[in-house]
C-alpha atoms as a PDB file:
ATOM      1  CA  MET A   1       0.765  11.568  41.350  1.00  0.00           C
ATOM      2  CA  LYS A   2       2.973  12.267  44.347  1.00  0.00           C
ATOM      3  CA  ILE A   3       6.768  12.296  43.994  1.00  0.00           C
ATOM      4  CA  ASP A   4       9.144  12.602  46.935  1.00  0.00           C
ATOM      5  CA  VAL A   5      12.909  12.856  46.641  1.00  0.00           C
ATOM      6  CA  LEU A   6      15.196  11.899  49.517  1.00  0.00           C
ATOM      7  CA  THR A   7      18.374  13.921  49.179  1.00  0.00           C
ATOM      8  CA  LEU A   8      21.052  15.721  51.163  1.00  0.00           C
ATOM      9  CA  PHE A   9      20.680  18.720  48.856  1.00  0.00           C
ATOM     10  CA  PRO A  10      16.964  19.558  48.504  1.00  0.00           C
ATOM     11  CA  GLU A  11      17.807  23.086  47.341  1.00  0.00           C
ATOM     12  CA  MET A  12      19.039  21.610  44.055  1.00  0.00           C
ATOM     13  CA  PHE A  13      15.431  20.833  43.119  1.00  0.00           C
ATOM     14  CA  ASN A  14      13.923  24.282  43.724  1.00  0.00           C
ATOM     15  CA  GLY A  15      14.403  25.625  40.212  1.00  0.00           C
ATOM     16  CA  VAL A  16      13.662  22.346  38.450  1.00  0.00           C
ATOM     17  CA  PHE A  17      10.427  21.682  40.329  1.00  0.00           C
ATOM     18  CA  GLY A  18       9.182  25.255  40.047  1.00  0.00           C
ATOM     19  CA  THR A  19       9.641  25.993  36.351  1.00  0.00           C
ATOM     20  CA  SER A  20       8.702  24.775  32.885  1.00  0.00           C
ATOM     21  CA  ILE A  21       6.636  21.596  32.535  1.00  0.00           C
ATOM     22  CA  LEU A  22       7.146  20.417  36.122  1.00  0.00           C
ATOM     23  CA  GLY A  23       6.097  23.776  37.542  1.00  0.00           C
ATOM     24  CA  LYS A  24       2.985  23.895  35.349  1.00  0.00           C
ATOM     25  CA  ALA A  25       2.092  20.307  36.281  1.00  0.00           C
ATOM     26  CA  GLN A  26       2.145  21.286  39.947  1.00  0.00           C
ATOM     27  CA  GLU A  27       0.064  24.398  39.299  1.00  0.00           C
ATOM     28  CA  LYS A  28      -2.559  22.238  37.586  1.00  0.00           C
ATOM     29  CA  GLY A  29      -2.601  19.861  40.563  1.00  0.00           C
ATOM     30  CA  ILE A  30      -1.515  16.915  38.412  1.00  0.00           C
ATOM     31  CA  VAL A  31       1.583  16.146  40.442  1.00  0.00           C
ATOM     32  CA  GLU A  32       2.884  16.969  43.915  1.00  0.00           C
ATOM     33  CA  LEU A  33       6.682  17.274  44.117  1.00  0.00           C
ATOM     34  CA  ALA A  34       8.783  17.445  47.279  1.00  0.00           C
ATOM     35  CA  ALA A  35      12.505  17.251  48.053  1.00  0.00           C
ATOM     36  CA  ILE A  36      13.270  16.083  51.594  1.00  0.00           C
ATOM     37  CA  ASN A  37      16.600  16.184  53.403  1.00  0.00           C
ATOM     38  CA  PHE A  38      16.977  12.723  54.898  1.00  0.00           C
ATOM     39  CA  ARG A  39      19.595  14.061  57.316  1.00  0.00           C
ATOM     40  CA  ALA A  40      16.603  15.031  59.461  1.00  0.00           C
ATOM     41  CA  TYR A  41      16.058  11.318  60.074  1.00  0.00           C
ATOM     42  CA  ALA A  42      19.542  10.640  61.439  1.00  0.00           C
ATOM     43  CA  ASN A  43      19.422   9.011  64.875  1.00  0.00           C
ATOM     44  CA  ASN A  44      22.566  10.551  66.362  1.00  0.00           C
ATOM     45  CA  LYS A  45      23.392  13.915  67.898  1.00  0.00           C
ATOM     46  CA  HIS A  46      25.646  14.948  65.018  1.00  0.00           C
ATOM     47  CA  ASN A  47      23.041  14.068  62.345  1.00  0.00           C
ATOM     48  CA  THR A  48      25.542  11.968  60.425  1.00  0.00           C
ATOM     49  CA  VAL A  49      24.122   9.839  57.640  1.00  0.00           C
ATOM     50  CA  ASP A  50      27.301   8.080  56.505  1.00  0.00           C
ATOM     51  CA  ASP A  51      30.083   5.984  58.010  1.00  0.00           C
ATOM     52  CA  TYR A  52      33.238   4.102  57.086  1.00  0.00           C
ATOM     53  CA  PRO A  53      32.677   0.773  55.297  1.00  0.00           C
ATOM     54  CA  TYR A  54      33.186  -2.484  57.143  1.00  0.00           C
ATOM     55  CA  GLY A  55      36.258  -4.258  55.833  1.00  0.00           C
ATOM     56  CA  GLY A  56      38.018  -1.021  54.973  1.00  0.00           C
ATOM     57  CA  GLY A  57      38.293   0.817  51.693  1.00  0.00           C
ATOM     58  CA  GLY A  58      38.043   4.383  50.481  1.00  0.00           C
ATOM     59  CA  GLY A  59      35.022   6.627  50.755  1.00  0.00           C
ATOM     60  CA  MET A  60      32.000   6.741  53.006  1.00  0.00           C
ATOM     61  CA  VAL A  61      28.811   4.677  52.872  1.00  0.00           C
ATOM     62  CA  LEU A  62      25.263   5.891  53.531  1.00  0.00           C
ATOM     63  CA  LYS A  63      23.853   4.370  56.704  1.00  0.00           C
ATOM     64  CA  PRO A  64      20.596   2.393  56.567  1.00  0.00           C
ATOM     65  CA  GLU A  65      18.827   3.966  59.576  1.00  0.00           C
ATOM     66  CA  PRO A  66      18.088   7.445  58.149  1.00  0.00           C
ATOM     67  CA  MET A  67      16.914   6.094  54.801  1.00  0.00           C
ATOM     68  CA  PHE A  68      14.605   3.471  56.299  1.00  0.00           C
ATOM     69  CA  ALA A  69      13.189   6.019  58.767  1.00  0.00           C
ATOM     70  CA  ALA A  70      12.579   8.593  56.026  1.00  0.00           C
ATOM     71  CA  VAL A  71      10.773   6.135  53.743  1.00  0.00           C
ATOM     72  CA  GLU A  72       8.686   4.744  56.613  1.00  0.00           C
ATOM     73  CA  ASP A  73       7.608   8.278  57.510  1.00  0.00           C
ATOM     74  CA  LEU A  74       6.596   9.034  53.926  1.00  0.00           C
ATOM     75  CA  VAL A  75       4.536   5.878  53.511  1.00  0.00           C
ATOM     76  CA  LYS A  76       2.849   5.694  56.921  1.00  0.00           C
ATOM     77  CA  ASP A  77      -0.378   7.248  55.615  1.00  0.00           C
ATOM     78  CA  ALA A  78      -0.063   6.003  52.053  1.00  0.00           C
ATOM     79  CA  GLY A  79      -2.707   3.835  50.468  1.00  0.00           C
ATOM     80  CA  GLU A  80      -1.012   2.092  47.589  1.00  0.00           C
ATOM     81  CA  LYS A  81       2.555   0.958  48.248  1.00  0.00           C
ATOM     82  CA  PRO A  82       4.879   3.435  46.516  1.00  0.00           C
ATOM     83  CA  ARG A  83       7.654   2.624  44.066  1.00  0.00           C
ATOM     84  CA  ILE A  84      10.954   3.399  45.780  1.00  0.00           C
ATOM     85  CA  VAL A  85      13.566   4.210  43.163  1.00  0.00           C
ATOM     86  CA  LEU A  86      17.276   4.101  43.954  1.00  0.00           C
ATOM     87  CA  MET A  87      19.403   6.141  41.562  1.00  0.00           C
ATOM     88  CA  CYS A  88      22.527   4.048  41.137  1.00  0.00           C
ATOM     89  CA  PRO A  89      25.174   3.390  38.425  1.00  0.00           C
ATOM     90  CA  GLN A  90      24.540  -0.337  38.915  1.00  0.00           C
ATOM     91  CA  GLY A  91      20.828  -0.003  38.205  1.00  0.00           C
ATOM     92  CA  GLU A  92      18.678  -0.856  35.214  1.00  0.00           C
ATOM     93  CA  ARG A  93      19.273   1.455  32.249  1.00  0.00           C
ATOM     94  CA  PHE A  94      16.503   4.045  32.195  1.00  0.00           C
ATOM     95  CA  THR A  95      14.401   4.008  29.018  1.00  0.00           C
ATOM     96  CA  GLN A  96      11.214   5.561  27.695  1.00  0.00           C
ATOM     97  CA  ARG A  97       9.443   2.279  28.362  1.00  0.00           C
ATOM     98  CA  LYS A  98      10.466   2.494  32.017  1.00  0.00           C
ATOM     99  CA  ALA A  99       9.221   6.089  32.156  1.00  0.00           C
ATOM    100  CA  GLU A 100       5.849   4.938  30.832  1.00  0.00           C
ATOM    101  CA  GLU A 101       5.744   2.180  33.449  1.00  0.00           C
ATOM    102  CA  LEU A 102       6.526   4.563  36.323  1.00  0.00           C
ATOM    103  CA  SER A 103       3.985   7.110  35.092  1.00  0.00           C
ATOM    104  CA  SER A 104       1.179   4.739  36.117  1.00  0.00           C
ATOM    105  CA  ALA A 105       2.232   4.785  39.796  1.00  0.00           C
ATOM    106  CA  GLU A 106       0.421   6.910  42.368  1.00  0.00           C
ATOM    107  CA  HIS A 107       3.486   7.576  44.517  1.00  0.00           C
ATOM    108  CA  LEU A 108       7.190   7.546  43.656  1.00  0.00           C
ATOM    109  CA  ILE A 109      10.024   7.991  46.142  1.00  0.00           C
ATOM    110  CA  PHE A 110      13.487   8.662  44.733  1.00  0.00           C
ATOM    111  CA  VAL A 111      16.576   7.920  46.820  1.00  0.00           C
ATOM    112  CA  CYS A 112      19.622  10.041  45.939  1.00  0.00           C
ATOM    113  CA  GLY A 113      22.918   8.985  47.399  1.00  0.00           C
ATOM    114  CA  HIS A 114      26.369  10.493  47.683  1.00  0.00           C
ATOM    115  CA  TYR A 115      29.751   9.315  48.855  1.00  0.00           C
ATOM    116  CA  GLU A 116      30.996   5.831  47.989  1.00  0.00           C
ATOM    117  CA  GLY A 117      27.615   4.129  47.942  1.00  0.00           C
ATOM    118  CA  TYR A 118      24.722   2.743  49.951  1.00  0.00           C
ATOM    119  CA  ASP A 119      24.585   0.204  52.722  1.00  0.00           C
ATOM    120  CA  GLU A 120      23.533  -2.941  50.859  1.00  0.00           C
ATOM    121  CA  ARG A 121      20.503  -3.396  53.122  1.00  0.00           C
ATOM    122  CA  ILE A 122      18.958  -0.299  51.536  1.00  0.00           C
ATOM    123  CA  ARG A 123      19.296  -1.927  48.134  1.00  0.00           C
ATOM    124  CA  GLU A 124      18.072  -5.359  49.203  1.00  0.00           C
ATOM    125  CA  HIS A 125      15.258  -4.559  51.623  1.00  0.00           C
ATOM    126  CA  LEU A 126      13.973  -1.038  50.965  1.00  0.00           C
ATOM    127  CA  VAL A 127      13.914  -0.079  47.300  1.00  0.00           C
ATOM    128  CA  THR A 128      11.726  -1.530  44.559  1.00  0.00           C
ATOM    129  CA  ASP A 129      13.674  -0.221  41.543  1.00  0.00           C
ATOM    130  CA  GLU A 130      17.285   0.667  40.778  1.00  0.00           C
ATOM    131  CA  LEU A 131      17.856   3.005  37.851  1.00  0.00           C
ATOM    132  CA  SER A 132      20.859   4.389  35.992  1.00  0.00           C
ATOM    133  CA  ILE A 133      20.714   7.059  33.278  1.00  0.00           C
ATOM    134  CA  GLY A 134      23.949   5.925  31.653  1.00  0.00           C
ATOM    135  CA  ASP A 135      27.291   4.233  31.999  1.00  0.00           C
ATOM    136  CA  TYR A 136      29.079   6.998  33.865  1.00  0.00           C
ATOM    137  CA  VAL A 137      29.394   8.158  37.461  1.00  0.00           C
ATOM    138  CA  LEU A 138      28.138  11.465  38.889  1.00  0.00           C
ATOM    139  CA  THR A 139      28.746  12.951  42.313  1.00  0.00           C
ATOM    140  CA  GLY A 140      25.241  12.118  43.454  1.00  0.00           C
ATOM    141  CA  GLY A 141      21.810  10.878  42.470  1.00  0.00           C
ATOM    142  CA  GLU A 142      20.138  14.283  42.277  1.00  0.00           C
ATOM    143  CA  LEU A 143      20.716  15.035  38.591  1.00  0.00           C
ATOM    144  CA  PRO A 144      19.668  11.520  37.460  1.00  0.00           C
ATOM    145  CA  ALA A 145      16.533  11.783  39.617  1.00  0.00           C
ATOM    146  CA  MET A 146      15.636  15.081  37.916  1.00  0.00           C
ATOM    147  CA  VAL A 147      16.003  13.439  34.511  1.00  0.00           C
ATOM    148  CA  VAL A 148      13.734  10.535  35.436  1.00  0.00           C
ATOM    149  CA  ILE A 149      11.125  12.749  37.101  1.00  0.00           C
ATOM    150  CA  ASP A 150      10.930  15.031  34.067  1.00  0.00           C
ATOM    151  CA  ALA A 151      10.536  12.057  31.721  1.00  0.00           C
ATOM    152  CA  VAL A 152       7.780  10.561  33.897  1.00  0.00           C
ATOM    153  CA  VAL A 153       5.758  13.689  34.682  1.00  0.00           C
ATOM    154  CA  ARG A 154       5.492  14.830  31.057  1.00  0.00           C
ATOM    155  CA  LEU A 155       3.639  11.565  30.330  1.00  0.00           C
ATOM    156  CA  LEU A 156       0.857  12.268  32.826  1.00  0.00           C
ATOM    157  CA  PRO A 157      -2.495  13.197  31.239  1.00  0.00           C
ATOM    158  CA  GLY A 158      -2.975  16.963  31.042  1.00  0.00           C
ATOM    159  CA  VAL A 159       0.687  17.911  31.542  1.00  0.00           C
ATOM    160  CA  LEU A 160       1.561  18.639  27.918  1.00  0.00           C
ATOM    161  CA  GLY A 161      -0.476  21.111  25.907  1.00  0.00           C
ATOM    162  CA  ASN A 162      -0.633  18.699  22.957  1.00  0.00           C
ATOM    163  CA  GLU A 163      -1.508  15.205  24.123  1.00  0.00           C
ATOM    164  CA  THR A 164      -0.004  13.652  20.990  1.00  0.00           C
ATOM    165  CA  SER A 165       3.450  15.089  21.752  1.00  0.00           C
ATOM    166  CA  ALA A 166       4.413  12.388  24.214  1.00  0.00           C
ATOM    167  CA  VAL A 167       3.061   9.664  21.930  1.00  0.00           C
ATOM    168  CA  THR A 168       5.177  10.701  18.943  1.00  0.00           C
ATOM    169  CA  ASP A 169       8.372  11.492  20.868  1.00  0.00           C
ATOM    170  CA  SER A 170      11.540   9.613  20.018  1.00  0.00           C
ATOM    171  CA  PHE A 171      11.566   6.165  21.681  1.00  0.00           C
ATOM    172  CA  SER A 172       7.829   6.241  22.530  1.00  0.00           C
ATOM    173  CA  THR A 173       7.088   4.390  19.284  1.00  0.00           C
ATOM    174  CA  GLY A 174      10.279   2.356  19.463  1.00  0.00           C
ATOM    175  CA  LEU A 175      11.800   4.571  16.755  1.00  0.00           C
ATOM    176  CA  LEU A 176      13.482   7.966  16.620  1.00  0.00           C
ATOM    177  CA  GLU A 177      11.184  10.859  15.806  1.00  0.00           C
ATOM    178  CA  TYR A 178      10.857  12.245  12.280  1.00  0.00           C
ATOM    179  CA  PRO A 179      12.270  15.708  11.340  1.00  0.00           C
ATOM    180  CA  HIS A 180      10.267  18.840  12.144  1.00  0.00           C
ATOM    181  CA  TYR A 181       9.952  22.086  10.155  1.00  0.00           C
ATOM    182  CA  THR A 182       8.174  25.406  10.689  1.00  0.00           C
ATOM    183  CA  ARG A 183       7.877  28.784   8.946  1.00  0.00           C
ATOM    184  CA  PRO A 184       9.357  30.141   6.746  1.00  0.00           C
ATOM    185  CA  ALA A 185       8.912  27.540   4.024  1.00  0.00           C
ATOM    186  CA  SER A 186      12.155  28.706   2.417  1.00  0.00           C
ATOM    187  CA  PHE A 187      15.146  29.980   4.394  1.00  0.00           C
ATOM    188  CA  ARG A 188      18.443  30.907   2.747  1.00  0.00           C
ATOM    189  CA  GLY A 189      17.788  28.482  -0.053  1.00  0.00           C
ATOM    190  CA  MET A 190      16.853  25.667   2.317  1.00  0.00           C
ATOM    191  CA  ASP A 191      13.294  24.529   1.642  1.00  0.00           C
ATOM    192  CA  VAL A 192      10.800  22.617   3.714  1.00  0.00           C
ATOM    193  CA  PRO A 193       9.952  19.243   2.095  1.00  0.00           C
ATOM    194  CA  GLU A 194       7.065  19.878  -0.276  1.00  0.00           C
ATOM    195  CA  VAL A 195       4.975  17.043   1.113  1.00  0.00           C
ATOM    196  CA  LEU A 196       4.659  18.849   4.464  1.00  0.00           C
ATOM    197  CA  ILE A 197       2.966  21.874   2.899  1.00  0.00           C
ATOM    198  CA  SER A 198       0.826  19.828   0.522  1.00  0.00           C
ATOM    199  CA  GLY A 199      -2.097  19.530   2.945  1.00  0.00           C
ATOM    200  CA  HIS A 200      -2.357  15.810   2.085  1.00  0.00           C
ATOM    201  CA  HIS A 201      -2.429  14.199   5.526  1.00  0.00           C
ATOM    202  CA  GLY A 202      -2.058  10.664   4.249  1.00  0.00           C
ATOM    203  CA  ARG A 203       1.109  11.513   2.358  1.00  0.00           C
ATOM    204  CA  ILE A 204       2.418  13.476   5.325  1.00  0.00           C
ATOM    205  CA  ASP A 205       1.886  10.529   7.695  1.00  0.00           C
ATOM    206  CA  ALA A 206       3.607   8.181   5.242  1.00  0.00           C
ATOM    207  CA  TRP A 207       6.553  10.578   4.851  1.00  0.00           C
ATOM    208  CA  ARG A 208       6.926  10.949   8.611  1.00  0.00           C
ATOM    209  CA  ARG A 209       6.886   7.206   9.152  1.00  0.00           C
ATOM    210  CA  GLU A 210       9.486   6.719   6.418  1.00  0.00           C
ATOM    211  CA  GLN A 211      11.699   9.452   7.848  1.00  0.00           C
ATOM    212  CA  SER A 212      11.381   7.979  11.328  1.00  0.00           C
ATOM    213  CA  LEU A 213      12.485   4.588  10.041  1.00  0.00           C
ATOM    214  CA  LEU A 214      15.352   6.084   8.056  1.00  0.00           C
ATOM    215  CA  ARG A 215      16.598   8.224  10.936  1.00  0.00           C
ATOM    216  CA  THR A 216      16.514   5.220  13.282  1.00  0.00           C
ATOM    217  CA  LEU A 217      18.425   3.141  10.741  1.00  0.00           C
ATOM    218  CA  GLN A 218      21.092   5.831  10.428  1.00  0.00           C
ATOM    219  CA  ARG A 219      21.468   6.774  14.085  1.00  0.00           C
ATOM    220  CA  ARG A 220      20.170   3.943  16.270  1.00  0.00           C
ATOM    221  CA  PRO A 221      19.890   0.762  14.180  1.00  0.00           C
ATOM    222  CA  ASP A 222      19.830  -1.280  17.386  1.00  0.00           C
ATOM    223  CA  LEU A 223      16.295  -0.009  18.065  1.00  0.00           C
ATOM    224  CA  LEU A 224      14.998  -1.659  14.905  1.00  0.00           C
ATOM    225  CA  GLU A 225      15.558  -5.117  16.365  1.00  0.00           C
ATOM    226  CA  GLN A 226      12.675  -4.632  18.829  1.00  0.00           C
ATOM    227  CA  ALA A 227      10.490  -2.261  16.778  1.00  0.00           C
ATOM    228  CA  GLU A 228       7.090  -3.391  15.491  1.00  0.00           C
ATOM    229  CA  LEU A 229       7.523  -3.219  11.721  1.00  0.00           C
ATOM    230  CA  SER A 230       5.538  -4.562   8.810  1.00  0.00           C
ATOM    231  CA  ALA A 231       7.103  -6.904   6.274  1.00  0.00           C
ATOM    232  CA  LYS A 232       7.003  -4.075   3.734  1.00  0.00           C
ATOM    233  CA  GLU A 233       8.864  -1.754   6.110  1.00  0.00           C
ATOM    234  CA  ARG A 234      11.530  -4.350   6.857  1.00  0.00           C
ATOM    235  CA  SER A 235      12.011  -4.924   3.134  1.00  0.00           C
ATOM    236  CA  TRP A 236      12.326  -1.171   2.562  1.00  0.00           C
ATOM    237  CA  LEU A 237      14.891  -0.891   5.357  1.00  0.00           C
ATOM    238  CA  GLU A 238      16.967  -3.688   3.855  1.00  0.00           C
ATOM    239  CA  GLU A 239      16.978  -1.826   0.577  1.00  0.00           C
ATOM    240  CA  GLN A 240      18.092   1.353   2.364  1.00  0.00           C
ATOM    241  CA  ARG A 241      20.892  -0.566   4.062  1.00  0.00           C
ATOM    242  CA  ARG A 242      22.028  -1.941   0.721  1.00  0.00           C
ATOM    243  CA  LEU A 243      21.976   1.486  -0.924  1.00  0.00           C
ATOM    244  CA  SER A 244      23.839   3.011   2.005  1.00  0.00           C
ATOM    245  CA  GLU A 245      26.542   0.357   1.842  1.00  0.00           C
ATOM    246  CA  GLN A 246      26.856   0.781  -1.933  1.00  0.00           C
ATOM    247  CA  GLU A 247      27.183   4.557  -1.534  1.00  0.00           C
ATOM    248  CA  ARG A 248      29.823   4.126   1.150  1.00  0.00           C
ATOM    249  CA  LYS A 249      31.897   1.842  -1.085  1.00  0.00           C
ATOM    250  CA  GLU A 250      31.634   4.279  -4.000  1.00  0.00           C
ATOM    251  CA  GLN A 251      32.835   7.134  -1.793  1.00  0.00           C
ATOM    252  CA  CYS A 252      35.785   5.114  -0.516  1.00  0.00           C
ATOM    253  CA  GLY A 253      36.848   4.128  -4.044  1.00  0.00           C
ATOM    254  CA  PRO A 254      38.742   0.970  -5.008  1.00  0.00           C
ATOM    255  CA  ALA A 255      40.784  -0.710  -2.331  1.00  0.00           C
ATOM    256  CA  ALA A 256      44.338   0.577  -2.241  1.00  0.00           C
ATOM    257  CA  ASP A 257      47.109  -1.734  -3.426  1.00  0.00           C
ATOM    258  CA  ASP A 258      49.047  -2.898  -0.399  1.00  0.00           C
ATOM    259  CA  GLY A 259      52.206  -3.206  -2.430  1.00  0.00           C
ATOM    260  CA  GLY A 260      52.670  -6.857  -1.637  1.00  0.00           C
ATOM    261  CA  THR A 261      54.036  -9.490  -4.031  1.00  0.00           C
ATOM    262  CA  THR A 262      52.790 -12.910  -4.939  1.00  0.00           C
END
């Protein structure tokens, strides 16, 4: 896979691209990562890439010419048409499913903006995807692009040492991941669940699935609406909901008398 990032601050990517999983993926030849300053594609003597918005208003807007020229230069020798991803607060919410979709592409180009926003022609006629990593605003698209790139690259075959890691990650199965434990088996009176040291793989798998369901119910119940669950699992979850509600009521105690009269 080839990943290019169009940014005004390519130096921000040096450490991220050269270390940890991304650095190892490049060393193995699995992915090629590059951060390109699109200011080099400005068509004016001052190399300006932004201008005041038509109609007035605060802030500056990225001009279309440098971005179009940069993308056209990157794709001129490309075979398959790349996915051009605009990092934008208005974009589609980034999810693990989207990461899995992007991981099948041969070439990704990320567009990182600054200032007030982009000329709308970039959005309408250049990019193929618009992504947001959350409902908040950052100073630029660089940090969100790093997040997406990390999530995508780790899914490529051969990147992770254990190929099952990406499969069992939270959200990959539609559920949150089960709890993990390692040595020592007992630490300050806190013990590892006995099932995990039993050596009985069937029981371990069942426990992990149950814990994954329970953790999702407790922390992200919204995910259960789209999860692929058996009838038995849905029945078990309903029972857990009922028990949780009963426990909550017992902890709260009887409703306080409001002191009113009848």
